[in-house]
PDB file of N, CA and C in Angstrom:
ATOM      1  N   MET A   1     276.910  10.988  -3.236  1.00  0.00           N
ATOM      2  CA  MET A   1     276.431  10.972  -1.799  1.00  0.00           C
ATOM      3  C   MET A   1     276.951  12.112  -1.520  1.00  0.00           C
ATOM      4  N   LEU A   2     276.464  12.384  -0.829  1.00  0.00           N
ATOM      5  CA  LEU A   2     276.395  13.898   0.378  1.00  0.00           C
ATOM      6  C   LEU A   2     276.839  14.261   0.926  1.00  0.00           C
ATOM      7  N   GLY A   3     277.863  14.979   0.750  1.00  0.00           N
ATOM      8  CA  GLY A   3     278.439  15.844   2.338  1.00  0.00           C
ATOM      9  C   GLY A   3     278.489  16.896   2.944  1.00  0.00           C
ATOM     10  N   CYS A   4     279.328  17.505   4.163  1.00  0.00           N
ATOM     11  CA  CYS A   4     279.386  18.591   4.254  1.00  0.00           C
ATOM     12  C   CYS A   4     279.703  19.799   3.473  1.00  0.00           C
ATOM     13  N   HIS A   5     280.467  19.618   2.115  1.00  0.00           N
ATOM     14  CA  HIS A   5     280.485  19.873   1.245  1.00  0.00           C
ATOM     15  C   HIS A   5     279.969  20.544  -0.024  1.00  0.00           C
ATOM     16  N   THR A   6     278.898  19.457   0.432  1.00  0.00           N
ATOM     17  CA  THR A   6     277.825  19.649  -0.516  1.00  0.00           C
ATOM     18  C   THR A   6     276.140  19.925  -0.091  1.00  0.00           C
ATOM     19  N   PRO A   7     276.148  21.203  -0.584  1.00  0.00           N
ATOM     20  CA  PRO A   7     274.715  21.737   0.573  1.00  0.00           C
ATOM     21  C   PRO A   7     273.847  21.726  -0.280  1.00  0.00           C
ATOM     22  N   ARG A   8     272.415  21.415   0.274  1.00  0.00           N
ATOM     23  CA  ARG A   8     271.392  21.621  -0.967  1.00  0.00           C
ATOM     24  C   ARG A   8     270.298  22.756  -0.725  1.00  0.00           C
ATOM     25  N   LYS A   9     270.935  23.744   0.192  1.00  0.00           N
ATOM     26  CA  LYS A   9     270.318  24.906   0.492  1.00  0.00           C
ATOM     27  C   LYS A   9     271.171  25.658  -0.161  1.00  0.00           C
ATOM     28  N   THR A  10     270.983  27.392  -0.153  1.00  0.00           N
ATOM     29  CA  THR A  10     271.941  28.150  -0.139  1.00  0.00           C
ATOM     30  C   THR A  10     271.739  28.958   1.289  1.00  0.00           C
ATOM     31  N   THR A  11     273.260  29.085   1.109  1.00  0.00           N
ATOM     32  CA  THR A  11     273.225  29.220   2.045  1.00  0.00           C
ATOM     33  C   THR A  11     273.145  30.977   2.622  1.00  0.00           C
ATOM     34  N   LYS A  12     272.636  31.327   3.505  1.00  0.00           N
ATOM     35  CA  LYS A  12     271.786  32.614   3.443  1.00  0.00           C
ATOM     36  C   LYS A  12     272.422  33.429   4.459  1.00  0.00           C
ATOM     37  N   ALA A  13     272.736  34.969   4.354  1.00  0.00           N
ATOM     38  CA  ALA A  13     273.578  36.286   5.376  1.00  0.00           C
ATOM     39  C   ALA A  13     272.805  36.165   5.923  1.00  0.00           C
ATOM     40  N   VAL A  14     272.958  35.878   7.078  1.00  0.00           N
ATOM     41  CA  VAL A  14     271.927  36.600   8.391  1.00  0.00           C
ATOM     42  C   VAL A  14     273.240  37.279   8.948  1.00  0.00           C
ATOM     43  N   SER A  15     272.462  38.973   9.567  1.00  0.00           N
ATOM     44  CA  SER A  15     273.276  39.545   9.734  1.00  0.00           C
ATOM     45  C   SER A  15     272.449  40.709  11.325  1.00  0.00           C
ATOM     46  N   SER A  16     273.315  40.785  12.405  1.00  0.00           N
ATOM     47  CA  SER A  16     273.204  40.969  13.517  1.00  0.00           C
ATOM     48  C   SER A  16     272.102  42.055  13.440  1.00  0.00           C
ATOM     49  N   THR A  17     271.297  42.053  12.353  1.00  0.00           N
ATOM     50  CA  THR A  17     270.023  43.546  12.773  1.00  0.00           C
ATOM     51  C   THR A  17     268.377  42.796  12.168  1.00  0.00           C
ATOM     52  N   GLU A  18     269.580  41.389  11.913  1.00  0.00           N
ATOM     53  CA  GLU A  18     267.723  40.544  11.979  1.00  0.00           C
ATOM     54  C   GLU A  18     268.101  39.793  13.053  1.00  0.00           C
ATOM     55  N   VAL A  19     269.021  39.281  14.133  1.00  0.00           N
ATOM     56  CA  VAL A  19     268.851  38.383  14.793  1.00  0.00           C
ATOM     57  C   VAL A  19     268.861  38.885  16.565  1.00  0.00           C
ATOM     58  N   ASN A  20     268.702  40.034  17.696  1.00  0.00           N
ATOM     59  CA  ASN A  20     269.166  39.830  18.366  1.00  0.00           C
ATOM     60  C   ASN A  20     269.731  38.783  19.307  1.00  0.00           C
ATOM     61  N   ALA A  21     271.630  39.373  19.499  1.00  0.00           N
ATOM     62  CA  ALA A  21     272.350  38.293  20.061  1.00  0.00           C
ATOM     63  C   ALA A  21     271.460  38.129  21.752  1.00  0.00           C
ATOM     64  N   ASN A  22     271.105  39.082  21.935  1.00  0.00           N
ATOM     65  CA  ASN A  22     270.735  39.650  23.368  1.00  0.00           C
ATOM     66  C   ASN A  22     269.524  38.834  24.729  1.00  0.00           C
ATOM     67  N   GLN A  23     268.581  39.243  23.066  1.00  0.00           N
ATOM     68  CA  GLN A  23     267.325  38.750  23.283  1.00  0.00           C
ATOM     69  C   GLN A  23     267.137  36.951  23.456  1.00  0.00           C
ATOM     70  N   GLN A  24     266.482  36.746  24.933  1.00  0.00           N
ATOM     71  CA  GLN A  24     266.434  36.185  25.343  1.00  0.00           C
ATOM     72  C   GLN A  24     264.562  35.505  26.082  1.00  0.00           C
ATOM     73  N   PRO A  25     263.986  34.690  25.788  1.00  0.00           N
ATOM     74  CA  PRO A  25     262.572  33.888  25.510  1.00  0.00           C
ATOM     75  C   PRO A  25     261.611  34.230  27.240  1.00  0.00           C
ATOM     76  N   ALA A  26     261.235  34.097  27.498  1.00  0.00           N
ATOM     77  CA  ALA A  26     260.640  33.810  29.048  1.00  0.00           C
ATOM     78  C   ALA A  26     261.144  32.613  29.480  1.00  0.00           C
ATOM     79  N   GLY A  27     261.260  32.468  30.599  1.00  0.00           N
ATOM     80  CA  GLY A  27     261.726  31.197  31.266  1.00  0.00           C
ATOM     81  C   GLY A  27     263.177  31.060  31.381  1.00  0.00           C
ATOM     82  N   ASN A  28     262.951  29.833  32.128  1.00  0.00           N
ATOM     83  CA  ASN A  28     264.817  29.134  32.083  1.00  0.00           C
ATOM     84  C   ASN A  28     265.070  28.560  30.952  1.00  0.00           C
ATOM     85  N   ASN A  29     265.419  29.402  30.210  1.00  0.00           N
ATOM     86  CA  ASN A  29     266.636  29.280  28.970  1.00  0.00           C
ATOM     87  C   ASN A  29     268.212  29.516  29.102  1.00  0.00           C
ATOM     88  N   THR A  30     268.963  29.569  29.840  1.00  0.00           N
ATOM     89  CA  THR A  30     270.941  29.043  29.394  1.00  0.00           C
ATOM     90  C   THR A  30     270.831  27.897  30.129  1.00  0.00           C
ATOM     91  N   ASN A  31     271.934  27.526  29.474  1.00  0.00           N
ATOM     92  CA  ASN A  31     272.726  26.604  29.938  1.00  0.00           C
ATOM     93  C   ASN A  31     273.302  26.407  31.239  1.00  0.00           C
ATOM     94  N   ALA A  32     273.117  25.462  32.130  1.00  0.00           N
ATOM     95  CA  ALA A  32     273.619  25.071  33.164  1.00  0.00           C
ATOM     96  C   ALA A  32     274.799  25.364  33.309  1.00  0.00           C
ATOM     97  N   ASP A  33     275.991  25.403  32.729  1.00  0.00           N
ATOM     98  CA  ASP A  33     277.133  25.386  32.640  1.00  0.00           C
ATOM     99  C   ASP A  33     277.242  27.245  32.304  1.00  0.00           C
ATOM    100  N   ALA A  34     276.820  27.757  31.561  1.00  0.00           N
ATOM    101  CA  ALA A  34     276.572  28.549  30.833  1.00  0.00           C
ATOM    102  C   ALA A  34     276.885  30.288  31.711  1.00  0.00           C
ATOM    103  N   GLY A  35     276.150  29.446  33.267  1.00  0.00           N
ATOM    104  CA  GLY A  35     275.976  30.602  33.643  1.00  0.00           C
ATOM    105  C   GLY A  35     274.645  31.096  33.183  1.00  0.00           C
ATOM    106  N   ALA A  36     274.808  32.860  33.099  1.00  0.00           N
ATOM    107  CA  ALA A  36     273.998  32.973  32.774  1.00  0.00           C
ATOM    108  C   ALA A  36     274.129  34.855  30.922  1.00  0.00           C
ATOM    109  N   LEU A  37     274.818  33.281  30.118  1.00  0.00           N
ATOM    110  CA  LEU A  37     274.957  33.355  29.332  1.00  0.00           C
ATOM    111  C   LEU A  37     273.566  33.503  28.806  1.00  0.00           C
ATOM    112  N   PRO A  38     272.990  34.524  27.328  1.00  0.00           N
ATOM    113  CA  PRO A  38     271.430  33.891  27.042  1.00  0.00           C
ATOM    114  C   PRO A  38     271.364  32.944  26.392  1.00  0.00           C
ATOM    115  N   VAL A  39     270.664  32.315  25.420  1.00  0.00           N
ATOM    116  CA  VAL A  39     270.251  31.214  24.524  1.00  0.00           C
ATOM    117  C   VAL A  39     268.710  31.854  24.103  1.00  0.00           C
ATOM    118  N   ASP A  40     268.813  31.919  22.788  1.00  0.00           N
ATOM    119  CA  ASP A  40     267.971  32.170  21.840  1.00  0.00           C
ATOM    120  C   ASP A  40     267.857  31.409  21.360  1.00  0.00           C
ATOM    121  N   TYR A  41     266.748  30.498  21.689  1.00  0.00           N
ATOM    122  CA  TYR A  41     266.232  29.330  20.779  1.00  0.00           C
ATOM    123  C   TYR A  41     264.911  29.501  20.146  1.00  0.00           C
ATOM    124  N   GLU A  42     264.502  30.490  20.218  1.00  0.00           N
ATOM    125  CA  GLU A  42     263.916  30.498  18.469  1.00  0.00           C
ATOM    126  C   GLU A  42     265.027  30.602  17.000  1.00  0.00           C
ATOM    127  N   ASN A  43     265.487  32.285  17.115  1.00  0.00           N
ATOM    128  CA  ASN A  43     266.150  32.222  16.653  1.00  0.00           C
ATOM    129  C   ASN A  43     267.778  31.144  16.550  1.00  0.00           C
ATOM    130  N   GLY A  44     267.753  30.559  16.826  1.00  0.00           N
ATOM    131  CA  GLY A  44     269.499  29.773  16.751  1.00  0.00           C
ATOM    132  C   GLY A  44     268.053  28.826  16.143  1.00  0.00           C
ATOM    133  N   GLN A  45     267.113  28.080  16.406  1.00  0.00           N
ATOM    134  CA  GLN A  45     266.794  26.721  15.367  1.00  0.00           C
ATOM    135  C   GLN A  45     266.828  27.184  13.588  1.00  0.00           C
ATOM    136  N   ALA A  46     266.026  28.848  13.946  1.00  0.00           N
ATOM    137  CA  ALA A  46     265.435  29.078  12.986  1.00  0.00           C
ATOM    138  C   ALA A  46     266.898  29.857  12.018  1.00  0.00           C
ATOM    139  N   MET A  47     267.877  29.669  12.083  1.00  0.00           N
ATOM    140  CA  MET A  47     269.070  29.863  11.542  1.00  0.00           C
ATOM    141  C   MET A  47     269.540  28.622  10.961  1.00  0.00           C
ATOM    142  N   ILE A  48     269.527  27.860  12.162  1.00  0.00           N
ATOM    143  CA  ILE A  48     269.807  26.592  11.798  1.00  0.00           C
ATOM    144  C   ILE A  48     268.925  26.107  10.358  1.00  0.00           C
ATOM    145  N   SER A  49     267.554  26.294  10.448  1.00  0.00           N
ATOM    146  CA  SER A  49     267.280  25.954   9.217  1.00  0.00           C
ATOM    147  C   SER A  49     267.364  26.500   8.263  1.00  0.00           C
ATOM    148  N   ALA A  50     267.873  27.917   7.979  1.00  0.00           N
ATOM    149  CA  ALA A  50     267.672  28.868   7.432  1.00  0.00           C
ATOM    150  C   ALA A  50     269.303  28.486   6.057  1.00  0.00           C
ATOM    151  N   LEU A  51     270.382  28.244   6.986  1.00  0.00           N
ATOM    152  CA  LEU A  51     271.414  27.498   6.447  1.00  0.00           C
ATOM    153  C   LEU A  51     271.608  26.631   6.012  1.00  0.00           C
ATOM    154  N   ASP A  52     272.761  25.832   5.748  1.00  0.00           N
ATOM    155  CA  ASP A  52     272.483  24.771   5.135  1.00  0.00           C
ATOM    156  C   ASP A  52     273.045  23.283   6.545  1.00  0.00           C
ATOM    157  N   CYS A  53     272.260  23.801   7.600  1.00  0.00           N
ATOM    158  CA  CYS A  53     273.632  22.808   8.594  1.00  0.00           C
ATOM    159  C   CYS A  53     272.187  21.171   8.721  1.00  0.00           C
ATOM    160  N   THR A  54     271.169  21.565   8.090  1.00  0.00           N
ATOM    161  CA  THR A  54     271.041  20.030   8.664  1.00  0.00           C
ATOM    162  C   THR A  54     270.812  19.354   6.983  1.00  0.00           C
ATOM    163  N   VAL A  55     271.799  19.451   5.948  1.00  0.00           N
ATOM    164  CA  VAL A  55     272.431  18.629   5.345  1.00  0.00           C
ATOM    165  C   VAL A  55     272.805  17.451   5.746  1.00  0.00           C
ATOM    166  N   CYS A  56     273.811  17.950   7.289  1.00  0.00           N
ATOM    167  CA  CYS A  56     274.736  16.952   7.351  1.00  0.00           C
ATOM    168  C   CYS A  56     274.636  17.170   9.865  1.00  0.00           C
ATOM    169  N   HIS A  57     273.672  17.730   9.720  1.00  0.00           N
ATOM    170  CA  HIS A  57     273.747  17.414  10.892  1.00  0.00           C
ATOM    171  C   HIS A  57     271.938  17.322  11.118  1.00  0.00           C
ATOM    172  N   THR A  58     271.696  16.278  12.350  1.00  0.00           N
ATOM    173  CA  THR A  58     270.510  16.656  13.155  1.00  0.00           C
ATOM    174  C   THR A  58     270.835  16.404  14.785  1.00  0.00           C
ATOM    175  N   LEU A  59     269.844  16.201  15.733  1.00  0.00           N
ATOM    176  CA  LEU A  59     270.059  16.588  16.843  1.00  0.00           C
ATOM    177  C   LEU A  59     269.557  15.225  17.109  1.00  0.00           C
ATOM    178  N   ASN A  60     270.111  14.298  17.373  1.00  0.00           N
ATOM    179  CA  ASN A  60     270.612  13.192  17.963  1.00  0.00           C
ATOM    180  C   ASN A  60     270.806  11.783  17.692  1.00  0.00           C
ATOM    181  N   GLU A  61     271.766  11.794  16.081  1.00  0.00           N
ATOM    182  CA  GLU A  61     272.345  10.956  15.221  1.00  0.00           C
ATOM    183  C   GLU A  61     273.572  11.228  14.406  1.00  0.00           C
ATOM    184  N   ARG A  62     274.252  10.730  14.275  1.00  0.00           N
ATOM    185  CA  ARG A  62     274.851  11.357  13.481  1.00  0.00           C
ATOM    186  C   ARG A  62     275.112  11.106  11.841  1.00  0.00           C
ATOM    187  N   GLN A  63     274.934  11.784  11.511  1.00  0.00           N
ATOM    188  CA  GLN A  63     275.232  12.258  10.038  1.00  0.00           C
ATOM    189  C   GLN A  63     276.466  12.172   9.475  1.00  0.00           C
ATOM    190  N   THR A  64     276.447  12.952   8.396  1.00  0.00           N
ATOM    191  CA  THR A  64     278.220  13.442   8.098  1.00  0.00           C
ATOM    192  C   THR A  64     278.645  14.092   9.225  1.00  0.00           C
ATOM    193  N   GLY A  65     278.424  14.830   9.711  1.00  0.00           N
ATOM    194  CA  GLY A  65     278.767  14.612  10.960  1.00  0.00           C
ATOM    195  C   GLY A  65     278.295  14.605  12.226  1.00  0.00           C
ATOM    196  N   PRO A  66     278.241  15.427  13.217  1.00  0.00           N
ATOM    197  CA  PRO A  66     278.250  15.129  14.803  1.00  0.00           C
ATOM    198  C   PRO A  66     277.339  15.448  14.638  1.00  0.00           C
ATOM    199  N   ALA A  67     275.909  15.073  15.154  1.00  0.00           N
ATOM    200  CA  ALA A  67     274.615  15.163  15.756  1.00  0.00           C
ATOM    201  C   ALA A  67     275.057  16.111  17.100  1.00  0.00           C
ATOM    202  N   TYR A  68     273.969  17.263  17.057  1.00  0.00           N
ATOM    203  CA  TYR A  68     274.194  18.129  17.783  1.00  0.00           C
ATOM    204  C   TYR A  68     274.105  18.456  19.418  1.00  0.00           C
ATOM    205  N   ILE A  69     273.658  16.880  20.399  1.00  0.00           N
ATOM    206  CA  ILE A  69     273.587  17.062  21.327  1.00  0.00           C
ATOM    207  C   ILE A  69     275.074  15.840  21.539  1.00  0.00           C
ATOM    208  N   SER A  70     275.192  14.969  20.285  1.00  0.00           N
ATOM    209  CA  SER A  70     277.232  14.919  20.450  1.00  0.00           C
ATOM    210  C   SER A  70     277.636  16.189  21.088  1.00  0.00           C
ATOM    211  N   VAL A  71     277.521  17.143  20.525  1.00  0.00           N
ATOM    212  CA  VAL A  71     278.002  18.635  20.499  1.00  0.00           C
ATOM    213  C   VAL A  71     278.272  19.032  21.957  1.00  0.00           C
ATOM    214  N   ALA A  72     277.073  19.204  22.196  1.00  0.00           N
ATOM    215  CA  ALA A  72     277.048  19.641  23.202  1.00  0.00           C
ATOM    216  C   ALA A  72     277.173  19.219  24.456  1.00  0.00           C
ATOM    217  N   GLN A  73     277.603  17.544  24.792  1.00  0.00           N
ATOM    218  CA  GLN A  73     278.039  17.338  25.080  1.00  0.00           C
ATOM    219  C   GLN A  73     279.605  16.919  25.564  1.00  0.00           C
ATOM    220  N   LYS A  74     280.044  17.178  24.440  1.00  0.00           N
ATOM    221  CA  LYS A  74     281.353  17.474  24.046  1.00  0.00           C
ATOM    222  C   LYS A  74     282.238  18.517  24.829  1.00  0.00           C
ATOM    223  N   TYR A  75     281.391  20.137  24.520  1.00  0.00           N
ATOM    224  CA  TYR A  75     281.809  21.167  25.306  1.00  0.00           C
ATOM    225  C   TYR A  75     281.137  22.095  25.595  1.00  0.00           C
ATOM    226  N   LYS A  76     281.867  22.042  27.073  1.00  0.00           N
ATOM    227  CA  LYS A  76     280.617  23.213  28.085  1.00  0.00           C
ATOM    228  C   LYS A  76     280.232  24.646  27.189  1.00  0.00           C
ATOM    229  N   ALA A  77     279.170  25.578  27.523  1.00  0.00           N
ATOM    230  CA  ALA A  77     279.376  26.333  27.072  1.00  0.00           C
ATOM    231  C   ALA A  77     279.580  27.779  27.690  1.00  0.00           C
ATOM    232  N   THR A  78     281.050  28.026  27.479  1.00  0.00           N
ATOM    233  CA  THR A  78     281.747  29.096  27.842  1.00  0.00           C
ATOM    234  C   THR A  78     281.561  29.944  26.928  1.00  0.00           C
ATOM    235  N   GLU A  79     282.492  31.208  27.033  1.00  0.00           N
ATOM    236  CA  GLU A  79     282.629  31.642  26.089  1.00  0.00           C
ATOM    237  C   GLU A  79     283.734  31.567  25.561  1.00  0.00           C
ATOM    238  N   ALA A  80     284.910  30.900  25.599  1.00  0.00           N
ATOM    239  CA  ALA A  80     285.881  30.704  25.371  1.00  0.00           C
ATOM    240  C   ALA A  80     285.101  29.228  23.965  1.00  0.00           C
ATOM    241  N   ASN A  81     284.535  28.917  24.656  1.00  0.00           N
ATOM    242  CA  ASN A  81     283.729  27.783  23.390  1.00  0.00           C
ATOM    243  C   ASN A  81     283.256  28.051  22.593  1.00  0.00           C
ATOM    244  N   ILE A  82     282.094  29.106  23.048  1.00  0.00           N
ATOM    245  CA  ILE A  82     281.117  30.164  21.585  1.00  0.00           C
ATOM    246  C   ILE A  82     281.662  30.284  21.192  1.00  0.00           C
ATOM    247  N   ASN A  83     283.117  31.046  21.003  1.00  0.00           N
ATOM    248  CA  ASN A  83     283.622  32.001  20.406  1.00  0.00           C
ATOM    249  C   ASN A  83     283.945  31.062  19.047  1.00  0.00           C
ATOM    250  N   LYS A  84     284.756  30.002  20.192  1.00  0.00           N
ATOM    251  CA  LYS A  84     285.504  28.951  19.189  1.00  0.00           C
ATOM    252  C   LYS A  84     284.354  28.123  17.918  1.00  0.00           C
ATOM    253  N   LEU A  85     283.638  27.691  18.247  1.00  0.00           N
ATOM    254  CA  LEU A  85     282.845  27.407  17.345  1.00  0.00           C
ATOM    255  C   LEU A  85     282.069  27.952  16.794  1.00  0.00           C
ATOM    256  N   ALA A  86     282.022  29.344  17.019  1.00  0.00           N
ATOM    257  CA  ALA A  86     281.649  29.753  16.482  1.00  0.00           C
ATOM    258  C   ALA A  86     281.988  30.161  15.277  1.00  0.00           C
ATOM    259  N   GLN A  87     283.474  31.146  15.127  1.00  0.00           N
ATOM    260  CA  GLN A  87     284.612  30.523  14.648  1.00  0.00           C
ATOM    261  C   GLN A  87     284.361  28.827  13.086  1.00  0.00           C
ATOM    262  N   LYS A  88     284.267  28.172  13.960  1.00  0.00           N
ATOM    263  CA  LYS A  88     284.070  27.215  13.469  1.00  0.00           C
ATOM    264  C   LYS A  88     283.480  27.037  12.255  1.00  0.00           C
ATOM    265  N   ILE A  89     282.239  27.706  12.507  1.00  0.00           N
ATOM    266  CA  ILE A  89     281.014  27.734  11.626  1.00  0.00           C
ATOM    267  C   ILE A  89     281.891  28.559  10.548  1.00  0.00           C
ATOM    268  N   ILE A  90     282.038  29.832  11.042  1.00  0.00           N
ATOM    269  CA  ILE A  90     282.399  30.295   9.803  1.00  0.00           C
ATOM    270  C   ILE A  90     283.682  30.654   8.986  1.00  0.00           C
ATOM    271  N   THR A  91     284.392  29.545   9.021  1.00  0.00           N
ATOM    272  CA  THR A  91     285.719  29.138   8.524  1.00  0.00           C
ATOM    273  C   THR A  91     285.319  28.149   7.743  1.00  0.00           C
ATOM    274  N   GLY A  92     284.548  26.844   9.020  1.00  0.00           N
ATOM    275  CA  GLY A  92     284.956  25.433   7.950  1.00  0.00           C
ATOM    276  C   GLY A  92     285.882  25.029   8.404  1.00  0.00           C
ATOM    277  N   GLY A  93     286.301  23.570   8.222  1.00  0.00           N
ATOM    278  CA  GLY A  93     287.587  22.937   8.464  1.00  0.00           C
ATOM    279  C   GLY A  93     286.875  21.706   9.082  1.00  0.00           C
ATOM    280  N   SER A  94     288.368  20.416   9.493  1.00  0.00           N
ATOM    281  CA  SER A  94     287.272  19.202   9.519  1.00  0.00           C
ATOM    282  C   SER A  94     288.200  19.033  10.688  1.00  0.00           C
ATOM    283  N   GLY A  95     288.624  17.468  11.047  1.00  0.00           N
ATOM    284  CA  GLY A  95     289.543  17.371  12.164  1.00  0.00           C
ATOM    285  C   GLY A  95     289.131  17.239  13.161  1.00  0.00           C
ATOM    286  N   ASN A  96     288.114  17.817  13.774  1.00  0.00           N
ATOM    287  CA  ASN A  96     287.763  17.842  15.208  1.00  0.00           C
ATOM    288  C   ASN A  96     286.774  16.328  15.076  1.00  0.00           C
ATOM    289  N   TRP A  97     285.999  16.379  13.997  1.00  0.00           N
ATOM    290  CA  TRP A  97     284.051  15.067  13.569  1.00  0.00           C
ATOM    291  C   TRP A  97     284.741  13.724  12.982  1.00  0.00           C
ATOM    292  N   GLY A  98     285.828  14.085  12.349  1.00  0.00           N
ATOM    293  CA  GLY A  98     286.789  13.258  10.956  1.00  0.00           C
ATOM    294  C   GLY A  98     286.956  13.912   9.966  1.00  0.00           C
ATOM    295  N   LYS A  99     287.304  13.219   9.038  1.00  0.00           N
ATOM    296  CA  LYS A  99     287.618  13.795   7.474  1.00  0.00           C
ATOM    297  C   LYS A  99     286.986  14.584   7.162  1.00  0.00           C
ATOM    298  N   VAL A 100     285.472  14.192   7.243  1.00  0.00           N
ATOM    299  CA  VAL A 100     284.503  14.843   6.202  1.00  0.00           C
ATOM    300  C   VAL A 100     285.026  16.431   6.409  1.00  0.00           C
ATOM    301  N   PRO A 101     285.201  17.580   5.690  1.00  0.00           N
ATOM    302  CA  PRO A 101     285.259  18.930   5.948  1.00  0.00           C
ATOM    303  C   PRO A 101     283.658  19.334   6.372  1.00  0.00           C
ATOM    304  N   MET A 102     283.545  20.887   7.330  1.00  0.00           N
ATOM    305  CA  MET A 102     282.474  21.488   7.157  1.00  0.00           C
ATOM    306  C   MET A 102     282.076  22.188   6.504  1.00  0.00           C
ATOM    307  N   THR A 103     281.094  22.963   5.757  1.00  0.00           N
ATOM    308  CA  THR A 103     281.426  23.857   4.912  1.00  0.00           C
ATOM    309  C   THR A 103     281.294  24.962   5.659  1.00  0.00           C
ATOM    310  N   GLN A 104     282.081  26.171   5.103  1.00  0.00           N
ATOM    311  CA  GLN A 104     282.484  27.249   5.843  1.00  0.00           C
ATOM    312  C   GLN A 104     280.571  28.564   5.453  1.00  0.00           C
ATOM    313  N   HIS A 105     280.765  28.773   6.517  1.00  0.00           N
ATOM    314  CA  HIS A 105     279.647  30.347   6.519  1.00  0.00           C
ATOM    315  C   HIS A 105     280.295  31.461   5.964  1.00  0.00           C
ATOM    316  N   PRO A 106     281.054  31.693   5.297  1.00  0.00           N
ATOM    317  CA  PRO A 106     281.761  33.173   5.025  1.00  0.00           C
ATOM    318  C   PRO A 106     281.226  34.444   5.604  1.00  0.00           C
ATOM    319  N   ASP A 107     279.504  34.070   5.126  1.00  0.00           N
ATOM    320  CA  ASP A 107     278.475  35.390   5.435  1.00  0.00           C
ATOM    321  C   ASP A 107     277.408  36.042   6.274  1.00  0.00           C
ATOM    322  N   LEU A 108     278.179  34.440   7.152  1.00  0.00           N
ATOM    323  CA  LEU A 108     277.662  34.777   8.436  1.00  0.00           C
ATOM    324  C   LEU A 108     278.608  35.147   8.921  1.00  0.00           C
ATOM    325  N   ASN A 109     277.455  36.308  10.295  1.00  0.00           N
ATOM    326  CA  ASN A 109     278.824  37.442  11.193  1.00  0.00           C
ATOM    327  C   ASN A 109     278.858  37.156  11.870  1.00  0.00           C
ATOM    328  N   ILE A 110     279.337  36.847  13.395  1.00  0.00           N
ATOM    329  CA  ILE A 110     279.961  36.683  14.391  1.00  0.00           C
ATOM    330  C   ILE A 110     278.688  36.135  15.771  1.00  0.00           C
ATOM    331  N   ASP A 111     278.074  37.440  15.248  1.00  0.00           N
ATOM    332  CA  ASP A 111     276.806  37.679  16.596  1.00  0.00           C
ATOM    333  C   ASP A 111     275.648  36.452  16.152  1.00  0.00           C
ATOM    334  N   SER A 112     275.234  36.285  14.946  1.00  0.00           N
ATOM    335  CA  SER A 112     274.225  35.250  14.446  1.00  0.00           C
ATOM    336  C   SER A 112     275.207  33.474  14.980  1.00  0.00           C
ATOM    337  N   ALA A 113     276.094  33.645  14.552  1.00  0.00           N
ATOM    338  CA  ALA A 113     277.322  32.148  14.647  1.00  0.00           C
ATOM    339  C   ALA A 113     277.281  32.081  16.503  1.00  0.00           C
ATOM    340  N   LYS A 114     277.370  33.043  16.956  1.00  0.00           N
ATOM    341  CA  LYS A 114     277.533  32.557  18.403  1.00  0.00           C
ATOM    342  C   LYS A 114     275.803  32.280  18.771  1.00  0.00           C
ATOM    343  N   ILE A 115     274.634  33.380  18.158  1.00  0.00           N
ATOM    344  CA  ILE A 115     273.522  32.517  18.348  1.00  0.00           C
ATOM    345  C   ILE A 115     273.132  30.390  18.080  1.00  0.00           C
ATOM    346  N   ILE A 116     273.629  30.424  17.053  1.00  0.00           N
ATOM    347  CA  ILE A 116     273.616  29.382  16.222  1.00  0.00           C
ATOM    348  C   ILE A 116     274.347  28.479  17.433  1.00  0.00           C
ATOM    349  N   VAL A 117     275.445  28.503  18.668  1.00  0.00           N
ATOM    350  CA  VAL A 117     276.421  27.703  18.845  1.00  0.00           C
ATOM    351  C   VAL A 117     275.318  27.298  20.417  1.00  0.00           C
ATOM    352  N   ARG A 118     274.943  28.702  21.023  1.00  0.00           N
ATOM    353  CA  ARG A 118     274.447  28.933  22.163  1.00  0.00           C
ATOM    354  C   ARG A 118     273.749  27.475  22.155  1.00  0.00           C
ATOM    355  N   PHE A 119     272.181  27.808  21.432  1.00  0.00           N
ATOM    356  CA  PHE A 119     271.817  27.185  21.172  1.00  0.00           C
ATOM    357  C   PHE A 119     271.900  25.485  20.782  1.00  0.00           C
ATOM    358  N   ILE A 120     272.680  25.136  20.518  1.00  0.00           N
ATOM    359  CA  ILE A 120     273.345  23.642  20.117  1.00  0.00           C
ATOM    360  C   ILE A 120     273.911  23.673  21.610  1.00  0.00           C
ATOM    361  N   LEU A 121     274.720  23.987  22.012  1.00  0.00           N
ATOM    362  CA  LEU A 121     275.370  24.040  23.412  1.00  0.00           C
ATOM    363  C   LEU A 121     273.542  23.937  24.703  1.00  0.00           C
ATOM    364  N   SER A 122     272.710  24.282  24.971  1.00  0.00           N
ATOM    365  CA  SER A 122     271.897  24.784  25.180  1.00  0.00           C
ATOM    366  C   SER A 122     271.084  23.258  25.461  1.00  0.00           C
ATOM    367  N   LEU A 123     271.466  22.183  24.071  1.00  0.00           N
ATOM    368  CA  LEU A 123     270.909  20.832  24.232  1.00  0.00           C
ATOM    369  C   LEU A 123     271.087  19.842  25.402  1.00  0.00           C
ATOM    370  N   GLY A 124     272.518  20.028  25.633  1.00  0.00           N
ATOM    371  CA  GLY A 124     272.516  19.024  26.753  1.00  0.00           C
ATOM    372  C   GLY A 124     272.966  19.828  27.538  1.00  0.00           C
ATOM    373  N   SER A 125     271.995  20.690  28.093  1.00  0.00           N
ATOM    374  CA  SER A 125     270.739  20.485  29.721  1.00  0.00           C
ATOM    375  C   SER A 125     269.728  20.455  29.609  1.00  0.00           C
ATOM    376  N   LYS A 126     268.960  19.522  28.424  1.00  0.00           N
ATOM    377  CA  LYS A 126     267.891  19.879  28.263  1.00  0.00           C
ATOM    378  C   LYS A 126     267.389  17.913  28.990  1.00  0.00           C
TER     379      LYS A 126
END
């Protein structure tokens, strides 16, 4: 059985030059709880697909890890939560959602991790 610690894909390092943390697509793209925090939907989705996230997470159903919707419902999109969750993506760990550890992504830079987190947290406002 695969767990979060058994990725099917190779983790791709994403640099801040590959994505622009301040990019904001046209239309209403901010989480209601986040105020003016930008949400880069396109890059958020692309980065999740490029990493091994989908091995353990889906949009609506708990797999090995929590559903993205559950994460969005648990955490408001505040700078403090965005920073905390971005660090969790980078360092991995366990305990918040069960005993299975989340894979660490040490090659992912903090700006890229924040894009992913903002995208996930924005799902709670849709």
